[in-house]
C-alpha atoms as a PDB file:
ATOM      1  CA  MET A   1     100.452 107.694  93.324  1.00  0.00           C
ATOM      2  CA  PRO A   2     102.060 105.243  95.731  1.00  0.00           C
ATOM      3  CA  GLU A   3     102.014 106.054  99.427  1.00  0.00           C
ATOM      4  CA  HIS A   4     105.767 106.667  99.514  1.00  0.00           C
ATOM      5  CA  ALA A   5     106.964 109.809 101.216  1.00  0.00           C
ATOM      6  CA  ASP A   6     109.698 110.362  98.613  1.00  0.00           C
ATOM      7  CA  ALA A   7     107.219 110.411  95.740  1.00  0.00           C
ATOM      8  CA  HIS A   8     104.866 112.759  97.563  1.00  0.00           C
ATOM      9  CA  TYR A   9     107.736 115.045  98.543  1.00  0.00           C
ATOM     10  CA  TYR A  10     108.968 115.488  94.985  1.00  0.00           C
ATOM     11  CA  HIS A  11     105.440 115.760  93.663  1.00  0.00           C
ATOM     12  CA  GLY A  12     104.714 118.471  96.228  1.00  0.00           C
ATOM     13  CA  ILE A  13     107.776 120.463  95.206  1.00  0.00           C
ATOM     14  CA  ALA A  14     106.971 120.105  91.517  1.00  0.00           C
ATOM     15  CA  ALA A  15     103.348 121.081  92.023  1.00  0.00           C
ATOM     16  CA  ALA A  16     104.352 124.125  94.079  1.00  0.00           C
ATOM     17  CA  ASN A  17     106.802 125.220  91.388  1.00  0.00           C
ATOM     18  CA  LEU A  18     104.041 124.903  88.806  1.00  0.00           C
ATOM     19  CA  GLY A  19     101.658 126.967  90.937  1.00  0.00           C
ATOM     20  CA  GLU A  20      99.387 123.994  91.638  1.00  0.00           C
ATOM     21  CA  LEU A  21      98.995 124.896  95.280  1.00  0.00           C
ATOM     22  CA  VAL A  22      96.198 122.494  96.198  1.00  0.00           C
ATOM     23  CA  LYS A  23      98.119 119.523  94.795  1.00  0.00           C
ATOM     24  CA  ALA A  24     101.305 120.717  96.466  1.00  0.00           C
ATOM     25  CA  GLU A  25      99.584 121.075  99.824  1.00  0.00           C
ATOM     26  CA  GLU A  26      98.018 117.612  99.547  1.00  0.00           C
ATOM     27  CA  SER A  27     101.321 115.904  98.724  1.00  0.00           C
ATOM     28  CA  LEU A  28     103.314 117.752 101.357  1.00  0.00           C
ATOM     29  CA  ARG A  29     100.655 116.990 103.956  1.00  0.00           C
ATOM     30  CA  VAL A  30     101.070 113.277 103.187  1.00  0.00           C
ATOM     31  CA  VAL A  31     104.845 113.576 103.672  1.00  0.00           C
ATOM     32  CA  LEU A  32     104.492 115.408 106.978  1.00  0.00           C
ATOM     33  CA  GLY A  33     102.007 112.823 108.220  1.00  0.00           C
ATOM     34  CA  ARG A  34     104.297 109.869 107.561  1.00  0.00           C
ATOM     35  CA  PRO A  35     106.509 108.246 110.218  1.00  0.00           C
ATOM     36  CA  GLU A  36     109.590 109.093 108.148  1.00  0.00           C
ATOM     37  CA  ALA A  37     108.679 112.807 107.922  1.00  0.00           C
ATOM     38  CA  ASP A  38     111.864 113.760 109.775  1.00  0.00           C
ATOM     39  CA  ARG A  39     113.787 112.788 106.631  1.00  0.00           C
ATOM     40  CA  PHE A  40     112.076 115.679 104.816  1.00  0.00           C
ATOM     41  CA  PRO A  41     112.522 118.835 106.903  1.00  0.00           C
ATOM     42  CA  ARG A  42     112.159 121.005 103.811  1.00  0.00           C
ATOM     43  CA  ALA A  43     108.618 119.739 103.425  1.00  0.00           C
ATOM     44  CA  HIS A  44     107.805 122.166 106.256  1.00  0.00           C
ATOM     45  CA  PHE A  45     109.503 125.006 104.400  1.00  0.00           C
ATOM     46  CA  MET A  46     107.699 124.182 101.160  1.00  0.00           C
ATOM     47  CA  SER A  47     104.385 123.878 102.999  1.00  0.00           C
ATOM     48  CA  GLY A  48     105.044 127.286 104.502  1.00  0.00           C
ATOM     49  CA  ASN A  49     105.613 128.687 101.022  1.00  0.00           C
ATOM     50  CA  VAL A  50     102.382 127.127  99.760  1.00  0.00           C
ATOM     51  CA  PHE A  51     100.353 128.488 102.673  1.00  0.00           C
ATOM     52  CA  ALA A  52     101.923 131.924 102.213  1.00  0.00           C
ATOM     53  CA  GLN A  53     100.969 131.944  98.536  1.00  0.00           C
ATOM     54  CA  LYS A  54      97.423 131.028  99.539  1.00  0.00           C
ATOM     55  CA  GLY A  55      97.352 133.910 102.040  1.00  0.00           C
ATOM     56  CA  GLN A  56      97.182 131.567 105.044  1.00  0.00           C
ATOM     57  CA  LEU A  57      99.955 133.296 106.944  1.00  0.00           C
ATOM     58  CA  GLN A  58      99.361 131.757 110.371  1.00  0.00           C
ATOM     59  CA  ASP A  59      99.604 128.266 108.836  1.00  0.00           C
ATOM     60  CA  ALA A  60     102.672 129.360 106.870  1.00  0.00           C
ATOM     61  CA  ALA A  61     104.282 130.663 110.052  1.00  0.00           C
ATOM     62  CA  SER A  62     103.625 127.375 111.827  1.00  0.00           C
ATOM     63  CA  GLU A  63     105.293 125.424 109.029  1.00  0.00           C
ATOM     64  CA  TYR A  64     108.272 127.794 108.947  1.00  0.00           C
ATOM     65  CA  GLN A  65     108.660 127.358 112.715  1.00  0.00           C
ATOM     66  CA  GLY A  66     108.640 123.590 112.253  1.00  0.00           C
ATOM     67  CA  TYR A  67     111.310 123.923 109.623  1.00  0.00           C
ATOM     68  CA  LEU A  68     113.453 126.181 111.809  1.00  0.00           C
ATOM     69  CA  GLU A  69     113.391 123.580 114.567  1.00  0.00           C
ATOM     70  CA  LEU A  70     114.761 120.938 112.186  1.00  0.00           C
ATOM     71  CA  GLU A  71     117.258 122.925 110.062  1.00  0.00           C
ATOM     72  CA  PRO A  72     118.088 126.111 111.963  1.00  0.00           C
ATOM     73  CA  ASP A  73     121.388 126.786 110.188  1.00  0.00           C
ATOM     74  CA  SER A  74     120.380 126.410 106.543  1.00  0.00           C
ATOM     75  CA  ARG A  75     120.068 129.227 104.015  1.00  0.00           C
ATOM     76  CA  ALA A  76     116.348 128.514 103.772  1.00  0.00           C
ATOM     77  CA  ALA A  77     116.130 128.973 107.555  1.00  0.00           C
ATOM     78  CA  ALA A  78     117.423 132.510 107.166  1.00  0.00           C
ATOM     79  CA  VAL A  79     114.713 133.163 104.568  1.00  0.00           C
ATOM     80  CA  ALA A  80     112.037 131.705 106.858  1.00  0.00           C
ATOM     81  CA  GLU A  81     113.233 133.765 109.831  1.00  0.00           C
ATOM     82  CA  GLU A  82     113.243 136.957 107.770  1.00  0.00           C
ATOM     83  CA  GLN A  83     109.738 136.288 106.486  1.00  0.00           C
ATOM     84  CA  LEU A  84     108.433 135.537 109.977  1.00  0.00           C
ATOM     85  CA  GLU A  85     109.946 138.762 111.290  1.00  0.00           C
ATOM     86  CA  GLN A  86     108.356 140.783 108.468  1.00  0.00           C
ATOM     87  CA  TRP A  87     104.940 139.283 109.145  1.00  0.00           C
ATOM     88  CA  LYS A  88     105.272 139.870 112.897  1.00  0.00           C
ATOM     89  CA  SER A  89     106.424 143.458 112.534  1.00  0.00           C
ATOM     90  CA  SER A  90     103.557 144.112 110.101  1.00  0.00           C
ATOM     91  CA  GLY A  91     101.071 142.627 112.563  1.00  0.00           C
ATOM     92  CA  LEU A  92     100.057 139.899 110.111  1.00  0.00           C
ATOM     93  CA  ILE A  93     100.837 137.067 112.556  1.00  0.00           C
ATOM     94  CA  ARG A  94     101.200 136.786 116.318  1.00  0.00           C
END
Protein backbone atom coordinates (compact mmCIF):
# COMPACT_ATOMS: atom_id res chain seq x y z
CA MET A 1 0.00 0.00 0.00
CA PRO A 2 1.36 3.45 -0.80
CA GLU A 3 2.51 5.64 2.06
CA HIS A 4 -0.40 8.06 1.59
CA ALA A 5 -2.33 9.05 4.67
CA ASP A 6 -5.65 8.99 2.79
CA ALA A 7 -5.21 5.37 1.73
CA HIS A 8 -4.18 4.29 5.22
CA TYR A 9 -7.08 6.19 6.78
CA TYR A 10 -9.71 4.51 4.63
CA HIS A 11 -8.01 1.15 4.96
CA GLY A 12 -8.00 1.55 8.74
CA ILE A 13 -11.71 2.33 8.81
CA ALA A 14 -12.53 -0.57 6.52
CA ALA A 15 -10.39 -2.99 8.51
CA ALA A 16 -11.99 -1.86 11.77
CA ASN A 17 -15.47 -2.33 10.32
CA LEU A 18 -14.49 -5.83 9.24
CA GLY A 19 -13.15 -6.65 12.71
CA GLU A 20 -9.54 -6.81 11.50
CA LEU A 21 -8.24 -4.92 14.48
CA VAL A 22 -4.52 -5.47 13.97
CA LYS A 23 -4.70 -4.20 10.38
CA ALA A 24 -6.87 -1.28 11.46
CA GLU A 25 -4.45 -0.31 14.22
CA GLU A 26 -1.47 -0.50 11.86
CA SER A 27 -3.09 1.70 9.21
CA LEU A 28 -4.41 4.25 11.67
CA ARG A 29 -1.03 4.42 13.37
CA VAL A 30 0.54 5.32 10.01
CA VAL A 31 -2.03 8.11 9.54
CA LEU A 32 -1.44 9.53 13.01
CA GLY A 33 2.32 9.46 12.48
CA ARG A 34 2.19 11.47 9.26
CA PRO A 35 2.76 15.25 9.07
CA GLU A 36 -0.74 15.69 7.65
CA ALA A 37 -2.39 13.79 10.54
CA ASP A 38 -4.34 16.90 11.54
CA ARG A 39 -6.44 16.39 8.40
CA PHE A 40 -7.74 13.14 9.92
CA PRO A 41 -9.00 13.87 13.44
CA ARG A 42 -11.35 10.90 13.29
CA ALA A 43 -8.34 8.63 13.03
CA HIS A 44 -7.99 9.23 16.78
CA PHE A 45 -11.61 8.27 17.35
CA MET A 46 -11.28 5.13 15.24
CA SER A 47 -8.04 4.21 16.99
CA GLY A 48 -9.84 4.63 20.29
CA ASN A 49 -12.55 2.26 19.08
CA VAL A 50 -9.95 -0.30 17.99
CA PHE A 51 -8.11 -0.14 21.31
CA ALA A 52 -11.40 -0.43 23.20
CA GLN A 53 -12.33 -3.55 21.23
CA LYS A 54 -8.93 -5.00 22.08
CA GLY A 55 -9.49 -4.25 25.78
CA GLN A 56 -6.71 -1.64 25.89
CA LEU A 57 -8.82 0.98 27.61
CA GLN A 58 -6.04 3.35 28.69
CA ASP A 59 -4.82 3.55 25.08
CA ALA A 60 -8.41 3.97 23.90
CA ALA A 61 -8.92 6.80 26.39
CA SER A 62 -5.78 8.54 25.17
CA GLU A 63 -6.98 8.39 21.57
CA TYR A 64 -10.45 9.64 22.52
CA GLN A 65 -8.85 12.55 24.38
CA GLY A 66 -6.82 13.38 21.27
CA TYR A 67 -9.98 13.33 19.23
CA LEU A 68 -11.84 15.55 21.69
CA GLU A 69 -9.09 18.15 21.42
CA LEU A 70 -9.50 18.29 17.64
CA GLU A 71 -13.30 17.95 17.19
CA PRO A 72 -14.92 18.82 20.52
CA ASP A 73 -18.34 19.66 19.08
CA SER A 74 -18.99 16.65 16.86
CA ARG A 75 -21.52 13.89 17.52
CA ALA A 76 -18.64 11.42 17.81
CA ALA A 77 -17.14 13.67 20.51
CA ALA A 78 -20.27 13.21 22.59
CA VAL A 79 -19.90 9.43 22.21
CA ALA A 80 -16.23 9.60 23.20
CA GLU A 81 -16.98 11.77 26.24
CA GLU A 82 -19.74 9.43 27.39
CA GLN A 83 -17.49 6.39 27.02
CA LEU A 84 -14.66 8.08 28.92
CA GLU A 85 -17.02 9.00 31.74
CA GLN A 86 -18.33 5.42 31.96
CA TRP A 87 -14.81 4.01 32.14
CA LYS A 88 -13.77 6.57 34.77
CA SER A 89 -16.82 6.01 36.94
CA SER A 90 -16.28 2.24 36.71
CA GLY A 91 -12.64 2.66 37.74
CA LEU A 92 -11.40 1.16 34.47
CA ILE A 93 -9.22 4.19 33.62
CA ARG A 94 -7.70 7.04 35.59
